[in-house]
C-alpha cells in the first residue's frame, strides 16, 4: 500500500503495512470479500479482522472521504 505521507500519519502507514498481506489474503479468499471491499473498504477492513485500532480505521476513513470529496469537486 502506498499512501502519500502528507495525508496519513506515520502510525497509519505503519499499521496498514503491517496488515497488508493479511488483507490481501482475505480479499483473495472470496469474491464476496472483494465486492465488500469495492463497496466499502473500511467496513471490509473491519470484517477482515485485521486487528486495527478503531482510531486507525477512523483516520483512514477521514482520509478516503477527503479524497473522494476532492475528486467530486474536480469533476
PDB file of N, CA and C in Angstrom:
ATOM      1  N   UNK A   1       0.852  -1.167   0.000  1.00  0.00           N
ATOM      2  CA  UNK A   1       0.000   0.000   0.000  1.00  0.00           C
ATOM      3  C   UNK A   1       0.892   1.221   0.000  1.00  0.00           C
ATOM      4  N   UNK A   2       0.549   2.131  -0.816  1.00  0.00           N
ATOM      5  CA  UNK A   2       1.374   3.314  -0.908  1.00  0.00           C
ATOM      6  C   UNK A   2       0.496   4.535  -0.681  1.00  0.00           C
ATOM      7  N   UNK A   3       0.626   5.137   0.483  1.00  0.00           N
ATOM      8  CA  UNK A   3      -0.134   6.330   0.801  1.00  0.00           C
ATOM      9  C   UNK A   3       0.794   7.519   0.856  1.00  0.00           C
ATOM     10  N   UNK A   4       0.341   8.632   0.350  1.00  0.00           N
ATOM     11  CA  UNK A   4       1.097   9.861   0.437  1.00  0.00           C
ATOM     12  C   UNK A   4       1.163  10.281   1.896  1.00  0.00           C
ATOM     13  N   UNK A   5       2.364  10.492   2.406  1.00  0.00           N
ATOM     14  CA  UNK A   5       2.511  10.801   3.827  1.00  0.00           C
ATOM     15  C   UNK A   5       1.966  12.170   4.191  1.00  0.00           C
ATOM     16  N   UNK A   6       1.641  13.017   3.204  1.00  0.00           N
ATOM     17  CA  UNK A   6       1.020  14.292   3.530  1.00  0.00           C
ATOM     18  C   UNK A   6      -0.424  14.093   3.982  1.00  0.00           C
ATOM     19  N   UNK A   7      -1.012  12.971   3.644  1.00  0.00           N
ATOM     20  CA  UNK A   7      -2.362  12.644   4.079  1.00  0.00           C
ATOM     21  C   UNK A   7      -2.368  11.820   5.358  1.00  0.00           C
ATOM     22  N   UNK A   8      -1.482  10.866   5.451  1.00  0.00           N
ATOM     23  CA  UNK A   8      -1.554   9.855   6.503  1.00  0.00           C
ATOM     24  C   UNK A   8      -0.435  10.024   7.516  1.00  0.00           C
ATOM     25  N   UNK A   9      -0.771   9.742   8.758  1.00  0.00           N
ATOM     26  CA  UNK A   9       0.238   9.765   9.815  1.00  0.00           C
ATOM     27  C   UNK A   9       1.176   8.575   9.645  1.00  0.00           C
ATOM     28  N   UNK A  10       2.392   8.702  10.138  1.00  0.00           N
ATOM     29  CA  UNK A  10       3.317   7.565  10.071  1.00  0.00           C
ATOM     30  C   UNK A  10       2.745   6.304  10.747  1.00  0.00           C
ATOM     31  N   UNK A  11       2.002   6.486  11.828  1.00  0.00           N
ATOM     32  CA  UNK A  11       1.392   5.335  12.505  1.00  0.00           C
ATOM     33  C   UNK A  11       0.387   4.622  11.605  1.00  0.00           C
ATOM     34  N   UNK A  12      -0.398   5.398  10.873  1.00  0.00           N
ATOM     35  CA  UNK A  12      -1.373   4.793   9.972  1.00  0.00           C
ATOM     36  C   UNK A  12      -0.661   3.997   8.882  1.00  0.00           C
ATOM     37  N   UNK A  13       0.342   4.576   8.296  1.00  0.00           N
ATOM     38  CA  UNK A  13       1.086   3.885   7.244  1.00  0.00           C
ATOM     39  C   UNK A  13       1.715   2.610   7.788  1.00  0.00           C
ATOM     40  N   UNK A  14       2.265   2.687   8.974  1.00  0.00           N
ATOM     41  CA  UNK A  14       2.883   1.509   9.590  1.00  0.00           C
ATOM     42  C   UNK A  14       1.838   0.413   9.842  1.00  0.00           C
ATOM     43  N   UNK A  15       0.691   0.778  10.359  1.00  0.00           N
ATOM     44  CA  UNK A  15      -0.358  -0.203  10.646  1.00  0.00           C
ATOM     45  C   UNK A  15      -0.901  -0.832   9.370  1.00  0.00           C
ATOM     46  N   UNK A  16      -1.082  -0.033   8.335  1.00  0.00           N
ATOM     47  CA  UNK A  16      -1.568  -0.586   7.071  1.00  0.00           C
ATOM     48  C   UNK A  16      -0.531  -1.518   6.445  1.00  0.00           C
ATOM     49  N   UNK A  17       0.709  -1.150   6.551  1.00  0.00           N
ATOM     50  CA  UNK A  17       1.774  -2.016   6.036  1.00  0.00           C
ATOM     51  C   UNK A  17       1.823  -3.333   6.798  1.00  0.00           C
ATOM     52  N   UNK A  18       1.602  -3.253   8.103  1.00  0.00           N
ATOM     53  CA  UNK A  18       1.636  -4.451   8.946  1.00  0.00           C
ATOM     54  C   UNK A  18       0.558  -5.449   8.539  1.00  0.00           C
ATOM     55  N   UNK A  19      -0.600  -4.967   8.169  1.00  0.00           N
ATOM     56  CA  UNK A  19      -1.717  -5.877   7.891  1.00  0.00           C
ATOM     57  C   UNK A  19      -1.945  -6.102   6.398  1.00  0.00           C
ATOM     58  N   UNK A  20      -1.094  -5.566   5.560  1.00  0.00           N
ATOM     59  CA  UNK A  20      -1.309  -5.655   4.109  1.00  0.00           C
ATOM     60  C   UNK A  20      -1.447  -7.087   3.609  1.00  0.00           C
ATOM     61  N   UNK A  21      -0.546  -7.975   4.005  1.00  0.00           N
ATOM     62  CA  UNK A  21      -0.627  -9.347   3.488  1.00  0.00           C
ATOM     63  C   UNK A  21      -1.862 -10.069   4.022  1.00  0.00           C
ATOM     64  N   UNK A  22      -2.238  -9.788   5.249  1.00  0.00           N
ATOM     65  CA  UNK A  22      -3.446 -10.398   5.817  1.00  0.00           C
ATOM     66  C   UNK A  22      -4.686  -9.929   5.049  1.00  0.00           C
ATOM     67  N   UNK A  23      -4.738  -8.632   4.720  1.00  0.00           N
ATOM     68  CA  UNK A  23      -5.866  -8.099   3.951  1.00  0.00           C
ATOM     69  C   UNK A  23      -5.877  -8.694   2.544  1.00  0.00           C
ATOM     70  N   UNK A  24      -4.722  -8.786   1.926  1.00  0.00           N
ATOM     71  CA  UNK A  24      -4.629  -9.369   0.586  1.00  0.00           C
ATOM     72  C   UNK A  24      -5.136 -10.808   0.583  1.00  0.00           C
ATOM     73  N   UNK A  25      -4.732 -11.574   1.573  1.00  0.00           N
ATOM     74  CA  UNK A  25      -5.211 -12.959   1.685  1.00  0.00           C
ATOM     75  C   UNK A  25      -6.721 -13.004   1.876  1.00  0.00           C
ATOM     76  N   UNK A  26      -7.249 -12.113   2.707  1.00  0.00           N
ATOM     77  CA  UNK A  26      -8.682 -12.074   2.971  1.00  0.00           C
ATOM     78  C   UNK A  26      -9.442 -11.725   1.694  1.00  0.00           C
ATOM     79  N   UNK A  27      -8.931 -10.751   0.942  1.00  0.00           N
ATOM     80  CA  UNK A  27      -9.578 -10.354  -0.304  1.00  0.00           C
ATOM     81  C   UNK A  27      -9.571 -11.493  -1.319  1.00  0.00           C
ATOM     82  N   UNK A  28      -8.477 -12.221  -1.387  1.00  0.00           N
ATOM     83  CA  UNK A  28      -8.369 -13.336  -2.322  1.00  0.00           C
ATOM     84  C   UNK A  28      -9.204 -14.534  -1.884  1.00  0.00           C
ATOM     85  N   UNK A  29      -9.636 -14.528  -0.640  1.00  0.00           N
ATOM     86  CA  UNK A  29     -10.372 -15.660  -0.090  1.00  0.00           C
ATOM     87  C   UNK A  29     -11.749 -15.864  -0.669  1.00  0.00           C
ATOM     88  N   UNK A  30     -12.386 -14.784  -1.139  1.00  0.00           N
ATOM     89  CA  UNK A  30     -13.706 -14.942  -1.742  1.00  0.00           C
ATOM     90  C   UNK A  30     -14.079 -13.704  -2.540  1.00  0.00           C
ATOM     91  N   UNK A  31     -14.913 -13.937  -3.516  1.00  0.00           N
ATOM     92  CA  UNK A  31     -15.434 -12.830  -4.332  1.00  0.00           C
ATOM     93  C   UNK A  31     -16.258 -11.877  -3.467  1.00  0.00           C
ATOM     94  N   UNK A  32     -16.963 -12.436  -2.495  1.00  0.00           N
ATOM     95  CA  UNK A  32     -17.788 -11.614  -1.603  1.00  0.00           C
ATOM     96  C   UNK A  32     -16.926 -10.615  -0.825  1.00  0.00           C
ATOM     97  N   UNK A  33     -15.764 -11.068  -0.351  1.00  0.00           N
ATOM     98  CA  UNK A  33     -14.845 -10.169   0.354  1.00  0.00           C
ATOM     99  C   UNK A  33     -14.389  -9.041  -0.568  1.00  0.00           C
ATOM    100  N   UNK A  34     -14.036  -9.393  -1.786  1.00  0.00           N
ATOM    101  CA  UNK A  34     -13.574  -8.391  -2.751  1.00  0.00           C
ATOM    102  C   UNK A  34     -14.687  -7.393  -3.080  1.00  0.00           C
ATOM    103  N   UNK A  35     -15.903  -7.880  -3.207  1.00  0.00           N
ATOM    104  CA  UNK A  35     -17.029  -6.996  -3.500  1.00  0.00           C
ATOM    105  C   UNK A  35     -17.295  -6.046  -2.344  1.00  0.00           C
ATOM    106  N   UNK A  36     -17.214  -6.548  -1.119  1.00  0.00           N
ATOM    107  CA  UNK A  36     -17.396  -5.688   0.048  1.00  0.00           C
ATOM    108  C   UNK A  36     -16.330  -4.606   0.064  1.00  0.00           C
ATOM    109  N   UNK A  37     -15.086  -4.983  -0.209  1.00  0.00           N
ATOM    110  CA  UNK A  37     -14.002  -4.008  -0.216  1.00  0.00           C
ATOM    111  C   UNK A  37     -14.237  -2.940  -1.285  1.00  0.00           C
ATOM    112  N   UNK A  38     -14.741  -3.342  -2.438  1.00  0.00           N
ATOM    113  CA  UNK A  38     -15.011  -2.388  -3.514  1.00  0.00           C
ATOM    114  C   UNK A  38     -16.122  -1.406  -3.121  1.00  0.00           C
ATOM    115  N   UNK A  39     -17.114  -1.905  -2.390  1.00  0.00           N
ATOM    116  CA  UNK A  39     -18.237  -1.055  -1.965  1.00  0.00           C
ATOM    117  C   UNK A  39     -17.881  -0.185  -0.773  1.00  0.00           C
ATOM    118  N   UNK A  40     -17.211  -0.779   0.205  1.00  0.00           N
ATOM    119  CA  UNK A  40     -16.950  -0.081   1.468  1.00  0.00           C
ATOM    120  C   UNK A  40     -15.650  -0.605   2.081  1.00  0.00           C
ATOM    121  N   UNK A  41     -14.525  -0.030   1.683  1.00  0.00           N
ATOM    122  CA  UNK A  41     -13.228  -0.540   2.142  1.00  0.00           C
ATOM    123  C   UNK A  41     -13.079  -0.575   3.663  1.00  0.00           C
ATOM    124  N   UNK A  42     -13.601   0.413   4.344  1.00  0.00           N
ATOM    125  CA  UNK A  42     -13.449   0.455   5.807  1.00  0.00           C
ATOM    126  C   UNK A  42     -14.245  -0.673   6.452  1.00  0.00           C
ATOM    127  N   UNK A  43     -15.478  -0.874   6.002  1.00  0.00           N
ATOM    128  CA  UNK A  43     -16.281  -1.982   6.536  1.00  0.00           C
ATOM    129  C   UNK A  43     -15.605  -3.322   6.233  1.00  0.00           C
ATOM    130  N   UNK A  44     -15.029  -3.432   5.056  1.00  0.00           N
ATOM    131  CA  UNK A  44     -14.332  -4.671   4.698  1.00  0.00           C
ATOM    132  C   UNK A  44     -13.135  -4.903   5.610  1.00  0.00           C
ATOM    133  N   UNK A  45     -12.407  -3.853   5.900  1.00  0.00           N
ATOM    134  CA  UNK A  45     -11.240  -3.997   6.777  1.00  0.00           C
ATOM    135  C   UNK A  45     -11.674  -4.402   8.184  1.00  0.00           C
ATOM    136  N   UNK A  46     -12.805  -3.890   8.623  1.00  0.00           N
ATOM    137  CA  UNK A  46     -13.340  -4.329   9.921  1.00  0.00           C
ATOM    138  C   UNK A  46     -13.718  -5.808   9.851  1.00  0.00           C
ATOM    139  N   UNK A  47     -14.384  -6.196   8.782  1.00  0.00           N
ATOM    140  CA  UNK A  47     -14.828  -7.588   8.622  1.00  0.00           C
ATOM    141  C   UNK A  47     -13.650  -8.549   8.496  1.00  0.00           C
ATOM    142  N   UNK A  48     -12.545  -8.059   7.973  1.00  0.00           N
ATOM    143  CA  UNK A  48     -11.362  -8.908   7.785  1.00  0.00           C
ATOM    144  C   UNK A  48     -10.648  -9.208   9.093  1.00  0.00           C
ATOM    145  N   UNK A  49     -11.069  -8.544  10.160  1.00  0.00           N
ATOM    146  CA  UNK A  49     -10.470  -8.805  11.480  1.00  0.00           C
ATOM    147  C   UNK A  49      -8.947  -8.629  11.454  1.00  0.00           C
ATOM    148  N   UNK A  50      -8.513  -7.439  11.031  1.00  0.00           N
ATOM    149  CA  UNK A  50      -7.093  -7.160  10.857  1.00  0.00           C
ATOM    150  C   UNK A  50      -6.401  -6.698  12.127  1.00  0.00           C
ATOM    151  N   UNK A  51      -7.124  -6.639  13.213  1.00  0.00           N
ATOM    152  CA  UNK A  51      -6.565  -6.175  14.481  1.00  0.00           C
ATOM    153  C   UNK A  51      -6.052  -4.739  14.372  1.00  0.00           C
ATOM    154  N   UNK A  52      -6.840  -3.902  13.667  1.00  0.00           N
ATOM    155  CA  UNK A  52      -6.528  -2.483  13.575  1.00  0.00           C
ATOM    156  C   UNK A  52      -7.358  -1.736  14.608  1.00  0.00           C
ATOM    157  N   UNK A  53      -6.735  -0.799  15.283  1.00  0.00           N
ATOM    158  CA  UNK A  53      -7.443   0.008  16.271  1.00  0.00           C
ATOM    159  C   UNK A  53      -8.520   0.842  15.575  1.00  0.00           C
ATOM    160  N   UNK A  54      -9.599   1.075  16.277  1.00  0.00           N
ATOM    161  CA  UNK A  54     -10.689   1.873  15.717  1.00  0.00           C
ATOM    162  C   UNK A  54     -10.202   3.272  15.335  1.00  0.00           C
ATOM    163  N   UNK A  55      -9.294   3.846  16.100  1.00  0.00           N
ATOM    164  CA  UNK A  55      -8.732   5.160  15.760  1.00  0.00           C
ATOM    165  C   UNK A  55      -8.028   5.122  14.403  1.00  0.00           C
ATOM    166  N   UNK A  56      -7.346   4.050  14.132  1.00  0.00           N
ATOM    167  CA  UNK A  56      -6.641   3.881  12.862  1.00  0.00           C
ATOM    168  C   UNK A  56      -7.641   3.812  11.715  1.00  0.00           C
ATOM    169  N   UNK A  57      -8.700   3.050  11.898  1.00  0.00           N
ATOM    170  CA  UNK A  57      -9.723   2.942  10.861  1.00  0.00           C
ATOM    171  C   UNK A  57     -10.443   4.271  10.649  1.00  0.00           C
ATOM    172  N   UNK A  58     -10.685   5.006  11.707  1.00  0.00           N
ATOM    173  CA  UNK A  58     -11.328   6.321  11.570  1.00  0.00           C
ATOM    174  C   UNK A  58     -10.426   7.290  10.810  1.00  0.00           C
ATOM    175  N   UNK A  59      -9.127   7.269  11.103  1.00  0.00           N
ATOM    176  CA  UNK A  59      -8.196   8.136  10.383  1.00  0.00           C
ATOM    177  C   UNK A  59      -8.209   7.791   8.889  1.00  0.00           C
ATOM    178  N   UNK A  60      -8.163   6.512   8.575  1.00  0.00           N
ATOM    179  CA  UNK A  60      -8.194   6.089   7.182  1.00  0.00           C
ATOM    180  C   UNK A  60      -9.503   6.515   6.515  1.00  0.00           C
ATOM    181  N   UNK A  61     -10.597   6.367   7.234  1.00  0.00           N
ATOM    182  CA  UNK A  61     -11.899   6.757   6.700  1.00  0.00           C
ATOM    183  C   UNK A  61     -11.946   8.261   6.421  1.00  0.00           C
ATOM    184  N   UNK A  62     -11.406   9.061   7.300  1.00  0.00           N
ATOM    185  CA  UNK A  62     -11.366  10.510   7.089  1.00  0.00           C
ATOM    186  C   UNK A  62     -10.553  10.864   5.840  1.00  0.00           C
ATOM    187  N   UNK A  63      -9.441  10.183   5.671  1.00  0.00           N
ATOM    188  CA  UNK A  63      -8.593  10.437   4.508  1.00  0.00           C
ATOM    189  C   UNK A  63      -9.321  10.051   3.225  1.00  0.00           C
ATOM    190  N   UNK A  64      -9.919   8.874   3.205  1.00  0.00           N
ATOM    191  CA  UNK A  64     -10.606   8.437   1.989  1.00  0.00           C
ATOM    192  C   UNK A  64     -11.805   9.324   1.677  1.00  0.00           C
ATOM    193  N   UNK A  65     -12.524   9.780   2.700  1.00  0.00           N
ATOM    194  CA  UNK A  65     -13.643  10.694   2.476  1.00  0.00           C
ATOM    195  C   UNK A  65     -13.151  12.029   1.920  1.00  0.00           C
ATOM    196  N   UNK A  66     -12.044  12.511   2.426  1.00  0.00           N
ATOM    197  CA  UNK A  66     -11.470  13.767   1.953  1.00  0.00           C
ATOM    198  C   UNK A  66     -11.058  13.655   0.490  1.00  0.00           C
ATOM    199  N   UNK A  67     -10.429  12.558   0.135  1.00  0.00           N
ATOM    200  CA  UNK A  67     -10.019  12.340  -1.253  1.00  0.00           C
ATOM    201  C   UNK A  67     -11.240  12.251  -2.160  1.00  0.00           C
ATOM    202  N   UNK A  68     -12.277  11.540  -1.721  1.00  0.00           N
ATOM    203  CA  UNK A  68     -13.492  11.402  -2.505  1.00  0.00           C
ATOM    204  C   UNK A  68     -14.144  12.775  -2.739  1.00  0.00           C
ATOM    205  N   UNK A  69     -14.177  13.621  -1.711  1.00  0.00           N
ATOM    206  CA  UNK A  69     -14.743  14.967  -1.860  1.00  0.00           C
ATOM    207  C   UNK A  69     -13.954  15.784  -2.890  1.00  0.00           C
ATOM    208  N   UNK A  70     -12.635  15.689  -2.831  1.00  0.00           N
ATOM    209  CA  UNK A  70     -11.791  16.426  -3.773  1.00  0.00           C
ATOM    210  C   UNK A  70     -12.016  15.955  -5.203  1.00  0.00           C
ATOM    211  N   UNK A  71     -12.185  14.666  -5.381  1.00  0.00           N
ATOM    212  CA  UNK A  71     -12.452  14.121  -6.718  1.00  0.00           C
ATOM    213  C   UNK A  71     -13.788  14.619  -7.231  1.00  0.00           C
ATOM    214  N   UNK A  72     -14.809  14.610  -6.379  1.00  0.00           N
ATOM    215  CA  UNK A  72     -16.133  15.082  -6.785  1.00  0.00           C
ATOM    216  C   UNK A  72     -16.100  16.569  -7.139  1.00  0.00           C
ATOM    217  N   UNK A  73     -15.350  17.355  -6.378  1.00  0.00           N
ATOM    218  CA  UNK A  73     -15.261  18.795  -6.647  1.00  0.00           C
ATOM    219  C   UNK A  73     -14.551  19.060  -7.969  1.00  0.00           C
ATOM    220  N   UNK A  74     -13.589  18.235  -8.309  1.00  0.00           N
ATOM    221  CA  UNK A  74     -12.825  18.420  -9.538  1.00  0.00           C
ATOM    222  C   UNK A  74     -13.599  17.982 -10.778  1.00  0.00           C
ATOM    223  N   UNK A  75     -14.599  17.134 -10.557  1.00  0.00           N
ATOM    224  CA  UNK A  75     -15.345  16.594 -11.712  1.00  0.00           C
ATOM    225  C   UNK A  75     -16.329  17.596 -12.267  1.00  0.00           C
TER     226      UNK A  75
END
